[in-house]
Amino acid sequence: MDRKITIRDVAKHAGVSAASVSYVLNGIDKITPETKQRILASIDELGYQPSLTARCLSSGNSKLIGISLPITEKGDIPGVLLENNPFFGEFISGIENVTREKGYDILISGVSTNEQYKDWIQRRKLDGIIMLGVYPKSIFEEIQNMNIPIVLTDAYEEYAKQFHRVMVEDELGGYLATKHLIDLGHRKIALAVGSVIKSHVNYKRYQGYKRALEEANIEIEPSLLFEDHVTFHGGYRIGQKMLEDSCKATAVFAIADIMAIGIMKAFTEHGKKLPHDLSIVGFDNIKFGNYTMPGLTTMSQDIILKGKVSAKMILDDLEGGKRTNTSITLKPVLLERDSTMNRLD
């Protein structure tokens, strides 16, 4: 096996000190341009690859951005979350698109306790964190004094304002999705939702649903409210429940595309025709929604842009040398496909 080229080999080849090579590798302007070019030529000729660990120790930066996924259900691990909800994969692709250009890598994890969270950050020497989903206040209290930039997504809590936040107008999205169904003549509109107690996002989208019904003088019927996990299987169970109960709804607003797709699966397995037997609107505009039959009408939030904005917030703080806190709110847009139609009398 060939011996690994070291910084001392480069220094000897270029006829300079190891310190001069280190200056070049770390962008420190302490040598002449001629010497710098000679060192770069030696690095290229010898095929020297700097040790990432050594460079991190030298610069004090790990070049790692942590992405934290929410552990809310028993058995949740990052791999399962990524498999069960494409939203996370699309969001992370937006982050990676930005961080890679700046020479940063990403590290994905899921932690469930305060101690694990703080230990993960310190052990991995993360330069910044992007947190997806819902977390207890105690975790934020644990990390607020850590001197690294932190971005939260869809965090409505008052104490979240001390961090960067990337938001979506969730209440507006719920309102527009439900209004679309009302405009098509539907009066019996079901809601498929996750816990409105545990999640502000779920609650906001429910509030939008409620506002649209009240505006149209349509009574909110508890029998048309279905709550389950925000997953494909949660949506599938809701679809089965609607069928078992002979639900009178002619349309449904699902607060996430992945739930809507589960409902569609349950209905088609029972020989139902969509949208003739049920019009359905989702929320997110995940890629899978374009592949369903029929194509899923949805409230589109630009998931990849959301990831890119989150990454840029982190990198701007790192380049500026200080931690700031800004909030950006994106507006969802109705994307009509083929899963909705005028109500049939």
C-alpha atoms as a PDB file:
ATOM      1  CA  MET A   1       0.000   0.000   0.000  1.00  0.00           C
ATOM      2  CA  ASP A   2       1.339   3.432  -0.923  1.00  0.00           C
ATOM      3  CA  ARG A   3       2.309   5.630   1.987  1.00  0.00           C
ATOM      4  CA  LYS A   4      -0.067   8.512   2.611  1.00  0.00           C
ATOM      5  CA  ILE A   5       1.354  11.888   1.599  1.00  0.00           C
ATOM      6  CA  THR A   6       1.699  14.257   4.561  1.00  0.00           C
ATOM      7  CA  ILE A   7       1.999  18.001   4.939  1.00  0.00           C
ATOM      8  CA  ARG A   8       5.725  17.516   5.639  1.00  0.00           C
ATOM      9  CA  ASP A   9       6.149  15.772   2.280  1.00  0.00           C
ATOM     10  CA  VAL A  10       4.554  18.758   0.551  1.00  0.00           C
ATOM     11  CA  ALA A  11       6.772  21.168   2.477  1.00  0.00           C
ATOM     12  CA  LYS A  12       9.941  19.237   1.551  1.00  0.00           C
ATOM     13  CA  HIS A  13       8.904  19.020  -2.118  1.00  0.00           C
ATOM     14  CA  ALA A  14       8.174  22.761  -2.286  1.00  0.00           C
ATOM     15  CA  GLY A  15      11.246  23.723  -0.258  1.00  0.00           C
ATOM     16  CA  VAL A  16       9.244  25.509   2.436  1.00  0.00           C
ATOM     17  CA  SER A  17       8.236  24.955   6.043  1.00  0.00           C
ATOM     18  CA  ALA A  18       5.224  22.899   7.112  1.00  0.00           C
ATOM     19  CA  ALA A  19       3.784  26.106   8.566  1.00  0.00           C
ATOM     20  CA  SER A  20       3.830  27.726   5.096  1.00  0.00           C
ATOM     21  CA  VAL A  21       1.878  24.798   3.666  1.00  0.00           C
ATOM     22  CA  SER A  22      -0.615  25.117   6.527  1.00  0.00           C
ATOM     23  CA  TYR A  23      -1.079  28.821   5.699  1.00  0.00           C
ATOM     24  CA  VAL A  24      -2.028  27.937   2.124  1.00  0.00           C
ATOM     25  CA  LEU A  25      -4.414  25.161   3.174  1.00  0.00           C
ATOM     26  CA  ASN A  26      -6.198  27.450   5.606  1.00  0.00           C
ATOM     27  CA  GLY A  27      -6.287  30.545   3.406  1.00  0.00           C
ATOM     28  CA  ILE A  28      -3.951  32.584   5.607  1.00  0.00           C
ATOM     29  CA  ASP A  29      -2.191  35.337   3.680  1.00  0.00           C
ATOM     30  CA  LYS A  30       1.302  35.235   5.216  1.00  0.00           C
ATOM     31  CA  ILE A  31       3.453  34.152   2.289  1.00  0.00           C
ATOM     32  CA  THR A  32       4.375  35.570  -1.109  1.00  0.00           C
ATOM     33  CA  PRO A  33       2.265  34.725  -4.183  1.00  0.00           C
ATOM     34  CA  GLU A  34       5.248  32.929  -5.716  1.00  0.00           C
ATOM     35  CA  THR A  35       5.651  30.678  -2.677  1.00  0.00           C
ATOM     36  CA  LYS A  36       1.930  29.992  -2.619  1.00  0.00           C
ATOM     37  CA  GLN A  37       1.976  28.892  -6.255  1.00  0.00           C
ATOM     38  CA  ARG A  38       4.961  26.612  -5.604  1.00  0.00           C
ATOM     39  CA  ILE A  39       3.130  24.973  -2.700  1.00  0.00           C
ATOM     40  CA  LEU A  40      -0.058  24.515  -4.732  1.00  0.00           C
ATOM     41  CA  ALA A  41       1.974  22.927  -7.540  1.00  0.00           C
ATOM     42  CA  SER A  42       3.542  20.494  -5.052  1.00  0.00           C
ATOM     43  CA  ILE A  43       0.127  19.623  -3.611  1.00  0.00           C
ATOM     44  CA  ASP A  44      -1.137  18.867  -7.093  1.00  0.00           C
ATOM     45  CA  GLU A  45       1.939  16.917  -8.171  1.00  0.00           C
ATOM     46  CA  LEU A  46       2.035  14.781  -5.027  1.00  0.00           C
ATOM     47  CA  GLY A  47      -1.747  14.301  -4.911  1.00  0.00           C
ATOM     48  CA  TYR A  48      -1.902  15.498  -1.323  1.00  0.00           C
ATOM     49  CA  GLN A  49      -5.322  15.276   0.374  1.00  0.00           C
ATOM     50  CA  PRO A  50      -5.564  17.342   3.578  1.00  0.00           C
ATOM     51  CA  SER A  51      -6.902  15.539   6.634  1.00  0.00           C
ATOM     52  CA  LEU A  52     -10.402  16.808   7.333  1.00  0.00           C
ATOM     53  CA  THR A  53      -9.897  16.242  11.053  1.00  0.00           C
ATOM     54  CA  ALA A  54      -6.680  18.238  11.059  1.00  0.00           C
ATOM     55  CA  ARG A  55      -8.227  21.094   9.128  1.00  0.00           C
ATOM     56  CA  CYS A  56     -11.180  21.158  11.530  1.00  0.00           C
ATOM     57  CA  LEU A  57      -8.828  21.333  14.501  1.00  0.00           C
ATOM     58  CA  SER A  58      -6.863  24.101  12.821  1.00  0.00           C
ATOM     59  CA  SER A  59      -9.838  26.238  11.804  1.00  0.00           C
ATOM     60  CA  GLY A  60     -12.147  25.406  14.712  1.00  0.00           C
ATOM     61  CA  ASN A  61     -14.901  24.462  12.247  1.00  0.00           C
ATOM     62  CA  SER A  62     -16.179  20.960  11.569  1.00  0.00           C
ATOM     63  CA  LYS A  63     -17.767  21.922   8.222  1.00  0.00           C
ATOM     64  CA  LEU A  64     -20.761  19.894   9.402  1.00  0.00           C
ATOM     65  CA  ILE A  65     -24.361  21.131   9.493  1.00  0.00           C
ATOM     66  CA  GLY A  66     -26.686  19.004  11.612  1.00  0.00           C
ATOM     67  CA  ILE A  67     -30.227  18.207  10.498  1.00  0.00           C
ATOM     68  CA  SER A  68     -32.491  17.044  13.285  1.00  0.00           C
ATOM     69  CA  LEU A  69     -35.629  15.038  12.486  1.00  0.00           C
ATOM     70  CA  PRO A  70     -38.494  14.829  14.998  1.00  0.00           C
ATOM     71  CA  ILE A  71     -38.774  11.671  17.101  1.00  0.00           C
ATOM     72  CA  THR A  72     -42.448  11.804  18.111  1.00  0.00           C
ATOM     73  CA  GLU A  73     -43.633   8.209  17.789  1.00  0.00           C
ATOM     74  CA  LYS A  74     -42.279   4.956  19.210  1.00  0.00           C
ATOM     75  CA  GLY A  75     -39.950   3.352  16.686  1.00  0.00           C
ATOM     76  CA  ASP A  76     -39.150   6.610  14.874  1.00  0.00           C
ATOM     77  CA  ILE A  77     -35.592   6.756  13.545  1.00  0.00           C
ATOM     78  CA  PRO A  78     -34.272   9.005  10.759  1.00  0.00           C
ATOM     79  CA  GLY A  79     -34.255   6.187   8.207  1.00  0.00           C
ATOM     80  CA  VAL A  80     -37.884   5.344   8.913  1.00  0.00           C
ATOM     81  CA  LEU A  81     -38.942   9.002   8.815  1.00  0.00           C
ATOM     82  CA  LEU A  82     -37.216   9.510   5.467  1.00  0.00           C
ATOM     83  CA  GLU A  83     -38.834   6.359   4.108  1.00  0.00           C
ATOM     84  CA  ASN A  84     -42.328   7.157   5.379  1.00  0.00           C
ATOM     85  CA  ASN A  85     -42.570  10.811   4.383  1.00  0.00           C
ATOM     86  CA  PRO A  86     -40.891  12.112   1.192  1.00  0.00           C
ATOM     87  CA  PHE A  87     -41.255  15.659   2.543  1.00  0.00           C
ATOM     88  CA  PHE A  88     -38.111  15.209   4.624  1.00  0.00           C
ATOM     89  CA  GLY A  89     -36.015  13.956   1.706  1.00  0.00           C
ATOM     90  CA  GLU A  90     -37.045  16.870  -0.509  1.00  0.00           C
ATOM     91  CA  PHE A  91     -36.349  19.380   2.263  1.00  0.00           C
ATOM     92  CA  ILE A  92     -32.912  17.885   2.914  1.00  0.00           C
ATOM     93  CA  SER A  93     -32.061  17.963  -0.799  1.00  0.00           C
ATOM     94  CA  GLY A  94     -32.609  21.725  -0.715  1.00  0.00           C
ATOM     95  CA  ILE A  95     -30.248  22.043   2.257  1.00  0.00           C
ATOM     96  CA  GLU A  96     -27.569  19.877   0.656  1.00  0.00           C
ATOM     97  CA  ASN A  97     -27.748  21.829  -2.592  1.00  0.00           C
ATOM     98  CA  VAL A  98     -26.626  24.969  -0.758  1.00  0.00           C
ATOM     99  CA  THR A  99     -24.197  23.513   1.797  1.00  0.00           C
ATOM    100  CA  ARG A 100     -22.280  21.464  -0.767  1.00  0.00           C
ATOM    101  CA  GLU A 101     -21.423  24.579  -2.779  1.00  0.00           C
ATOM    102  CA  LYS A 102     -19.838  26.095   0.335  1.00  0.00           C
ATOM    103  CA  GLY A 103     -17.848  22.967   1.247  1.00  0.00           C
ATOM    104  CA  TYR A 104     -20.084  21.842   4.113  1.00  0.00           C
ATOM    105  CA  ASP A 105     -21.405  18.336   4.721  1.00  0.00           C
ATOM    106  CA  ILE A 106     -24.684  17.458   6.420  1.00  0.00           C
ATOM    107  CA  LEU A 107     -25.289  15.061   9.291  1.00  0.00           C
ATOM    108  CA  ILE A 108     -28.809  13.704   9.830  1.00  0.00           C
ATOM    109  CA  SER A 109     -29.998  12.434  13.186  1.00  0.00           C
ATOM    110  CA  GLY A 110     -33.024  12.097  15.416  1.00  0.00           C
ATOM    111  CA  VAL A 111     -32.836  12.645  19.153  1.00  0.00           C
ATOM    112  CA  SER A 112     -35.544  12.456  21.778  1.00  0.00           C
ATOM    113  CA  THR A 113     -34.062  13.851  25.004  1.00  0.00           C
ATOM    114  CA  ASN A 114     -32.331  17.068  26.023  1.00  0.00           C
ATOM    115  CA  GLU A 115     -29.146  15.296  27.058  1.00  0.00           C
ATOM    116  CA  GLN A 116     -28.901  13.376  23.778  1.00  0.00           C
ATOM    117  CA  TYR A 117     -29.434  16.547  21.785  1.00  0.00           C
ATOM    118  CA  LYS A 118     -26.748  18.587  23.486  1.00  0.00           C
ATOM    119  CA  ASP A 119     -24.346  15.634  23.447  1.00  0.00           C
ATOM    120  CA  TRP A 120     -24.936  15.129  19.701  1.00  0.00           C
ATOM    121  CA  ILE A 121     -24.126  18.767  18.959  1.00  0.00           C
ATOM    122  CA  GLN A 122     -20.973  18.830  21.090  1.00  0.00           C
ATOM    123  CA  ARG A 123     -19.709  15.368  20.164  1.00  0.00           C
ATOM    124  CA  ARG A 124     -20.023  16.039  16.445  1.00  0.00           C
ATOM    125  CA  LYS A 125     -18.786  19.647  16.832  1.00  0.00           C
ATOM    126  CA  LEU A 126     -21.625  20.854  14.597  1.00  0.00           C
ATOM    127  CA  ASP A 127     -21.232  24.311  13.086  1.00  0.00           C
ATOM    128  CA  GLY A 128     -25.004  24.803  12.881  1.00  0.00           C
ATOM    129  CA  ILE A 129     -28.328  22.980  13.222  1.00  0.00           C
ATOM    130  CA  ILE A 130     -31.552  22.859  11.232  1.00  0.00           C
ATOM    131  CA  MET A 131     -34.452  21.424  13.220  1.00  0.00           C
ATOM    132  CA  LEU A 132     -37.484  19.961  11.466  1.00  0.00           C
ATOM    133  CA  GLY A 133     -40.712  19.286  13.307  1.00  0.00           C
ATOM    134  CA  VAL A 134     -41.951  19.689  16.871  1.00  0.00           C
ATOM    135  CA  TYR A 135     -39.702  19.657  19.945  1.00  0.00           C
ATOM    136  CA  PRO A 136     -40.345  20.311  23.652  1.00  0.00           C
ATOM    137  CA  LYS A 137     -39.448  23.716  25.062  1.00  0.00           C
ATOM    138  CA  SER A 138     -36.836  22.090  27.303  1.00  0.00           C
ATOM    139  CA  ILE A 139     -34.662  21.210  24.290  1.00  0.00           C
ATOM    140  CA  PHE A 140     -34.599  24.824  23.152  1.00  0.00           C
ATOM    141  CA  GLU A 141     -33.701  25.936  26.686  1.00  0.00           C
ATOM    142  CA  GLU A 142     -30.831  23.447  26.609  1.00  0.00           C
ATOM    143  CA  ILE A 143     -29.330  24.698  23.337  1.00  0.00           C
ATOM    144  CA  GLN A 144     -30.142  28.414  23.336  1.00  0.00           C
ATOM    145  CA  ASN A 145     -26.789  29.347  24.896  1.00  0.00           C
ATOM    146  CA  MET A 146     -24.746  27.317  22.442  1.00  0.00           C
ATOM    147  CA  ASN A 147     -22.900  29.711  20.191  1.00  0.00           C
ATOM    148  CA  ILE A 148     -23.934  28.202  16.865  1.00  0.00           C
ATOM    149  CA  PRO A 149     -26.612  29.279  14.364  1.00  0.00           C
ATOM    150  CA  ILE A 150     -29.902  27.384  14.672  1.00  0.00           C
ATOM    151  CA  VAL A 151     -32.819  27.272  12.243  1.00  0.00           C
ATOM    152  CA  LEU A 152     -36.282  26.048  13.192  1.00  0.00           C
ATOM    153  CA  THR A 153     -38.955  25.105  10.671  1.00  0.00           C
ATOM    154  CA  ASP A 154     -42.629  25.874  11.244  1.00  0.00           C
ATOM    155  CA  ALA A 155     -42.065  26.851  14.877  1.00  0.00           C
ATOM    156  CA  TYR A 156     -44.882  29.054  16.193  1.00  0.00           C
ATOM    157  CA  GLU A 157     -43.915  29.066  19.855  1.00  0.00           C
ATOM    158  CA  GLU A 158     -43.021  32.422  21.374  1.00  0.00           C
ATOM    159  CA  TYR A 159     -39.634  31.191  22.602  1.00  0.00           C
ATOM    160  CA  ALA A 160     -38.751  30.081  19.055  1.00  0.00           C
ATOM    161  CA  LYS A 161     -38.384  33.713  17.989  1.00  0.00           C
ATOM    162  CA  GLN A 162     -34.853  33.853  19.384  1.00  0.00           C
ATOM    163  CA  PHE A 163     -33.745  31.479  16.598  1.00  0.00           C
ATOM    164  CA  HIS A 164     -33.955  31.633  12.821  1.00  0.00           C
ATOM    165  CA  ARG A 165     -37.339  30.425  11.565  1.00  0.00           C
ATOM    166  CA  VAL A 166     -38.617  29.341   8.157  1.00  0.00           C
ATOM    167  CA  MET A 167     -42.394  29.259   8.122  1.00  0.00           C
ATOM    168  CA  VAL A 168     -45.351  28.659   5.809  1.00  0.00           C
ATOM    169  CA  GLU A 169     -48.705  30.419   6.060  1.00  0.00           C
ATOM    170  CA  ASP A 170     -50.379  27.243   7.286  1.00  0.00           C
ATOM    171  CA  GLU A 171     -53.705  28.795   8.240  1.00  0.00           C
ATOM    172  CA  LEU A 172     -53.977  30.423   4.820  1.00  0.00           C
ATOM    173  CA  GLY A 173     -53.146  27.115   3.159  1.00  0.00           C
ATOM    174  CA  GLY A 174     -55.873  25.310   5.086  1.00  0.00           C
ATOM    175  CA  TYR A 175     -58.324  28.054   4.199  1.00  0.00           C
ATOM    176  CA  LEU A 176     -57.525  28.050   0.472  1.00  0.00           C
ATOM    177  CA  ALA A 177     -57.630  24.241   0.238  1.00  0.00           C
ATOM    178  CA  THR A 178     -61.059  24.099   1.871  1.00  0.00           C
ATOM    179  CA  LYS A 179     -62.371  27.095  -0.086  1.00  0.00           C
ATOM    180  CA  HIS A 180     -61.363  25.368  -3.319  1.00  0.00           C
ATOM    181  CA  LEU A 181     -63.616  22.443  -2.392  1.00  0.00           C
ATOM    182  CA  ILE A 182     -66.437  24.787  -1.378  1.00  0.00           C
ATOM    183  CA  ASP A 183     -66.133  26.640  -4.697  1.00  0.00           C
ATOM    184  CA  LEU A 184     -66.607  23.287  -6.430  1.00  0.00           C
ATOM    185  CA  GLY A 185     -69.944  22.928  -4.656  1.00  0.00           C
ATOM    186  CA  HIS A 186     -68.962  20.604  -1.820  1.00  0.00           C
ATOM    187  CA  ARG A 187     -70.699  21.079   1.524  1.00  0.00           C
ATOM    188  CA  LYS A 188     -69.740  17.876   3.329  1.00  0.00           C
ATOM    189  CA  ILE A 189     -65.965  18.327   3.604  1.00  0.00           C
ATOM    190  CA  ALA A 190     -63.953  16.028   5.858  1.00  0.00           C
ATOM    191  CA  LEU A 191     -60.627  16.921   7.458  1.00  0.00           C
ATOM    192  CA  ALA A 192     -57.737  14.453   7.782  1.00  0.00           C
ATOM    193  CA  VAL A 193     -55.314  15.844  10.345  1.00  0.00           C
ATOM    194  CA  GLY A 194     -52.606  14.942  12.827  1.00  0.00           C
ATOM    195  CA  SER A 195     -52.779  15.949  16.488  1.00  0.00           C
ATOM    196  CA  VAL A 196     -53.961  19.568  16.750  1.00  0.00           C
ATOM    197  CA  ILE A 197     -52.852  19.595  20.386  1.00  0.00           C
ATOM    198  CA  LYS A 198     -49.244  18.533  19.830  1.00  0.00           C
ATOM    199  CA  SER A 199     -48.594  20.386  16.568  1.00  0.00           C
ATOM    200  CA  HIS A 200     -49.088  24.089  15.847  1.00  0.00           C
ATOM    201  CA  VAL A 201     -48.860  23.313  12.126  1.00  0.00           C
ATOM    202  CA  ASN A 202     -51.782  20.883  12.340  1.00  0.00           C
ATOM    203  CA  TYR A 203     -53.738  23.361  14.445  1.00  0.00           C
ATOM    204  CA  LYS A 204     -53.139  26.241  12.027  1.00  0.00           C
ATOM    205  CA  ARG A 205     -54.263  24.177   9.033  1.00  0.00           C
ATOM    206  CA  TYR A 206     -57.346  23.096  10.988  1.00  0.00           C
ATOM    207  CA  GLN A 207     -58.055  26.758  11.750  1.00  0.00           C
ATOM    208  CA  GLY A 208     -57.913  27.543   8.027  1.00  0.00           C
ATOM    209  CA  TYR A 209     -60.352  24.705   7.322  1.00  0.00           C
ATOM    210  CA  LYS A 210     -62.653  26.025  10.023  1.00  0.00           C
ATOM    211  CA  ARG A 211     -62.491  29.620   8.739  1.00  0.00           C
ATOM    212  CA  ALA A 212     -63.446  28.608   5.198  1.00  0.00           C
ATOM    213  CA  LEU A 213     -66.459  26.611   6.423  1.00  0.00           C
ATOM    214  CA  GLU A 214     -67.650  29.405   8.715  1.00  0.00           C
ATOM    215  CA  GLU A 215     -67.259  31.963   5.942  1.00  0.00           C
ATOM    216  CA  ALA A 216     -69.498  29.807   3.720  1.00  0.00           C
ATOM    217  CA  ASN A 217     -72.032  29.263   6.546  1.00  0.00           C
ATOM    218  CA  ILE A 218     -71.281  25.534   6.604  1.00  0.00           C
ATOM    219  CA  GLU A 219     -71.591  23.827   9.970  1.00  0.00           C
ATOM    220  CA  ILE A 220     -68.478  22.077  11.269  1.00  0.00           C
ATOM    221  CA  GLU A 221     -69.448  18.471  11.878  1.00  0.00           C
ATOM    222  CA  PRO A 222     -67.325  16.542  14.412  1.00  0.00           C
ATOM    223  CA  SER A 223     -68.110  13.316  12.526  1.00  0.00           C
ATOM    224  CA  LEU A 224     -66.136  14.686   9.560  1.00  0.00           C
ATOM    225  CA  LEU A 225     -62.959  15.299  11.578  1.00  0.00           C
ATOM    226  CA  PHE A 226     -60.471  12.410  11.411  1.00  0.00           C
ATOM    227  CA  GLU A 227     -57.207  12.433  13.376  1.00  0.00           C
ATOM    228  CA  ASP A 228     -54.281  10.058  12.929  1.00  0.00           C
ATOM    229  CA  HIS A 229     -50.512  10.103  12.385  1.00  0.00           C
ATOM    230  CA  VAL A 230     -49.287  12.291   9.541  1.00  0.00           C
ATOM    231  CA  THR A 231     -48.074   9.325   7.490  1.00  0.00           C
ATOM    232  CA  PHE A 232     -49.261   7.237   4.561  1.00  0.00           C
ATOM    233  CA  HIS A 233     -50.551   4.606   6.989  1.00  0.00           C
ATOM    234  CA  GLY A 234     -52.325   7.264   9.048  1.00  0.00           C
ATOM    235  CA  GLY A 235     -54.089   8.475   5.913  1.00  0.00           C
ATOM    236  CA  TYR A 236     -54.905   4.908   4.880  1.00  0.00           C
ATOM    237  CA  ARG A 237     -56.531   4.232   8.262  1.00  0.00           C
ATOM    238  CA  ILE A 238     -58.582   7.420   7.915  1.00  0.00           C
ATOM    239  CA  GLY A 239     -59.724   6.302   4.461  1.00  0.00           C
ATOM    240  CA  GLN A 240     -60.770   2.932   5.844  1.00  0.00           C
ATOM    241  CA  LYS A 241     -62.592   4.622   8.729  1.00  0.00           C
ATOM    242  CA  MET A 242     -64.504   6.885   6.330  1.00  0.00           C
ATOM    243  CA  LEU A 243     -65.589   3.871   4.305  1.00  0.00           C
ATOM    244  CA  GLU A 244     -66.528   1.758   7.341  1.00  0.00           C
ATOM    245  CA  ASP A 245     -68.610   4.621   8.768  1.00  0.00           C
ATOM    246  CA  SER A 246     -70.284   5.287   5.392  1.00  0.00           C
ATOM    247  CA  CYS A 247     -69.010   8.854   5.757  1.00  0.00           C
ATOM    248  CA  LYS A 248     -71.228  11.354   3.927  1.00  0.00           C
ATOM    249  CA  ALA A 249     -68.305  13.543   2.908  1.00  0.00           C
ATOM    250  CA  THR A 250     -68.002  14.248  -0.812  1.00  0.00           C
ATOM    251  CA  ALA A 251     -64.580  15.841  -0.332  1.00  0.00           C
ATOM    252  CA  VAL A 252     -61.676  15.820   2.096  1.00  0.00           C
ATOM    253  CA  PHE A 253     -58.830  18.176   2.922  1.00  0.00           C
ATOM    254  CA  ALA A 254     -55.778  16.260   4.157  1.00  0.00           C
ATOM    255  CA  ILE A 255     -53.243  18.442   5.955  1.00  0.00           C
ATOM    256  CA  ALA A 256     -50.342  16.600   4.268  1.00  0.00           C
ATOM    257  CA  ASP A 257     -49.980  15.000   0.844  1.00  0.00           C
ATOM    258  CA  ILE A 258     -48.703  11.767   2.361  1.00  0.00           C
ATOM    259  CA  MET A 259     -51.982  11.401   4.288  1.00  0.00           C
ATOM    260  CA  ALA A 260     -53.999  12.248   1.169  1.00  0.00           C
ATOM    261  CA  ILE A 261     -52.214   9.513  -0.789  1.00  0.00           C
ATOM    262  CA  GLY A 262     -53.061   7.007   1.970  1.00  0.00           C
ATOM    263  CA  ILE A 263     -56.741   7.966   1.752  1.00  0.00           C
ATOM    264  CA  MET A 264     -56.647   7.604  -2.035  1.00  0.00           C
ATOM    265  CA  LYS A 265     -55.189   4.121  -1.646  1.00  0.00           C
ATOM    266  CA  ALA A 266     -57.951   3.033   0.752  1.00  0.00           C
ATOM    267  CA  PHE A 267     -60.719   4.337  -1.518  1.00  0.00           C
ATOM    268  CA  THR A 268     -59.335   2.837  -4.732  1.00  0.00           C
ATOM    269  CA  GLU A 269     -58.897  -0.553  -3.018  1.00  0.00           C
ATOM    270  CA  HIS A 270     -62.634  -0.460  -2.295  1.00  0.00           C
ATOM    271  CA  GLY A 271     -63.484   0.201  -5.919  1.00  0.00           C
ATOM    272  CA  LYS A 272     -64.168   3.905  -5.467  1.00  0.00           C
ATOM    273  CA  LYS A 273     -63.497   6.293  -8.327  1.00  0.00           C
ATOM    274  CA  LEU A 274     -61.611   9.491  -7.595  1.00  0.00           C
ATOM    275  CA  PRO A 275     -62.604  12.265  -7.819  1.00  0.00           C
ATOM    276  CA  HIS A 276     -66.166  11.109  -8.681  1.00  0.00           C
ATOM    277  CA  ASP A 277     -66.705   9.439  -5.299  1.00  0.00           C
ATOM    278  CA  LEU A 278     -64.418  11.734  -3.330  1.00  0.00           C
ATOM    279  CA  SER A 279     -62.569  14.942  -4.149  1.00  0.00           C
ATOM    280  CA  ILE A 280     -59.327  15.331  -2.213  1.00  0.00           C
ATOM    281  CA  VAL A 281     -56.838  18.133  -1.594  1.00  0.00           C
ATOM    282  CA  GLY A 282     -53.478  17.672   0.112  1.00  0.00           C
ATOM    283  CA  PHE A 283     -50.818  20.037   1.410  1.00  0.00           C
ATOM    284  CA  ASP A 284     -47.071  20.183   0.585  1.00  0.00           C
ATOM    285  CA  ASN A 285     -46.720  19.255  -3.100  1.00  0.00           C
ATOM    286  CA  ILE A 286     -44.352  16.340  -2.593  1.00  0.00           C
ATOM    287  CA  LYS A 287     -43.152  14.780  -5.855  1.00  0.00           C
ATOM    288  CA  PHE A 288     -45.234  11.639  -5.327  1.00  0.00           C
ATOM    289  CA  GLY A 289     -48.418  13.688  -5.644  1.00  0.00           C
ATOM    290  CA  ASN A 290     -47.661  14.163  -9.325  1.00  0.00           C
ATOM    291  CA  TYR A 291     -47.420  10.399  -9.856  1.00  0.00           C
ATOM    292  CA  THR A 292     -50.716   9.323  -8.279  1.00  0.00           C
ATOM    293  CA  MET A 293     -53.792   8.430 -10.326  1.00  0.00           C
ATOM    294  CA  PRO A 294     -55.449  10.873 -10.393  1.00  0.00           C
ATOM    295  CA  GLY A 295     -52.796  13.526  -9.831  1.00  0.00           C
ATOM    296  CA  LEU A 296     -53.190  15.072  -6.381  1.00  0.00           C
ATOM    297  CA  THR A 297     -54.512  18.625  -6.069  1.00  0.00           C
ATOM    298  CA  THR A 298     -52.507  20.242  -3.291  1.00  0.00           C
ATOM    299  CA  MET A 299     -51.502  23.395  -1.471  1.00  0.00           C
ATOM    300  CA  SER A 300     -47.971  23.729  -2.767  1.00  0.00           C
ATOM    301  CA  GLN A 301     -45.192  24.920  -0.523  1.00  0.00           C
ATOM    302  CA  ASP A 302     -41.791  25.013  -2.188  1.00  0.00           C
ATOM    303  CA  ILE A 303     -40.150  22.339  -0.033  1.00  0.00           C
ATOM    304  CA  ILE A 304     -36.753  22.508  -1.729  1.00  0.00           C
ATOM    305  CA  LEU A 305     -36.705  26.315  -1.465  1.00  0.00           C
ATOM    306  CA  LYS A 306     -37.554  25.963   2.214  1.00  0.00           C
ATOM    307  CA  GLY A 307     -34.464  23.793   2.652  1.00  0.00           C
ATOM    308  CA  LYS A 308     -32.297  26.198   0.670  1.00  0.00           C
ATOM    309  CA  VAL A 309     -33.443  29.188   2.744  1.00  0.00           C
ATOM    310  CA  SER A 310     -32.715  27.289   5.967  1.00  0.00           C
ATOM    311  CA  ALA A 311     -29.194  26.422   4.819  1.00  0.00           C
ATOM    312  CA  LYS A 312     -28.491  29.988   3.695  1.00  0.00           C
ATOM    313  CA  MET A 313     -29.467  31.328   7.121  1.00  0.00           C
ATOM    314  CA  ILE A 314     -26.896  29.025   8.735  1.00  0.00           C
ATOM    315  CA  LEU A 315     -24.121  29.837   6.264  1.00  0.00           C
ATOM    316  CA  ASP A 316     -24.751  33.595   6.420  1.00  0.00           C
ATOM    317  CA  ASP A 317     -24.269  33.494  10.200  1.00  0.00           C
ATOM    318  CA  LEU A 318     -21.121  31.386   9.894  1.00  0.00           C
ATOM    319  CA  GLU A 319     -19.620  33.701   7.279  1.00  0.00           C
ATOM    320  CA  GLY A 320     -20.647  36.783   9.266  1.00  0.00           C
ATOM    321  CA  GLY A 321     -19.154  35.405  12.475  1.00  0.00           C
ATOM    322  CA  LYS A 322     -22.256  36.006  14.598  1.00  0.00           C
ATOM    323  CA  ARG A 323     -25.547  34.358  15.436  1.00  0.00           C
ATOM    324  CA  THR A 324     -28.674  36.221  14.331  1.00  0.00           C
ATOM    325  CA  ASN A 325     -32.389  35.456  14.258  1.00  0.00           C
ATOM    326  CA  THR A 326     -34.652  36.159  11.317  1.00  0.00           C
ATOM    327  CA  SER A 327     -38.040  34.792  10.301  1.00  0.00           C
ATOM    328  CA  ILE A 328     -39.115  34.102   6.735  1.00  0.00           C
ATOM    329  CA  THR A 329     -42.681  33.075   5.886  1.00  0.00           C
ATOM    330  CA  LEU A 330     -43.477  31.455   2.559  1.00  0.00           C
ATOM    331  CA  LYS A 331     -46.942  31.543   0.990  1.00  0.00           C
ATOM    332  CA  PRO A 332     -48.590  28.307  -0.215  1.00  0.00           C
ATOM    333  CA  VAL A 333     -50.250  28.239  -3.636  1.00  0.00           C
ATOM    334  CA  LEU A 334     -53.125  26.041  -4.805  1.00  0.00           C
ATOM    335  CA  LEU A 335     -51.925  23.560  -7.437  1.00  0.00           C
ATOM    336  CA  GLU A 336     -54.879  22.011  -9.219  1.00  0.00           C
ATOM    337  CA  ARG A 337     -54.474  18.525 -10.655  1.00  0.00           C
ATOM    338  CA  ASP A 338     -57.159  15.902 -11.198  1.00  0.00           C
ATOM    339  CA  SER A 339     -58.194  14.768  -7.708  1.00  0.00           C
ATOM    340  CA  THR A 340     -60.954  17.394  -7.343  1.00  0.00           C
ATOM    341  CA  MET A 341     -64.086  18.089  -9.366  1.00  0.00           C
ATOM    342  CA  ASN A 342     -67.490  19.762  -9.095  1.00  0.00           C
ATOM    343  CA  ARG A 343     -69.816  18.016  -6.666  1.00  0.00           C
ATOM    344  CA  LEU A 344     -72.215  15.639  -8.372  1.00  0.00           C
ATOM    345  CA  ASP A 345     -75.847  15.999  -7.261  1.00  0.00           C
END
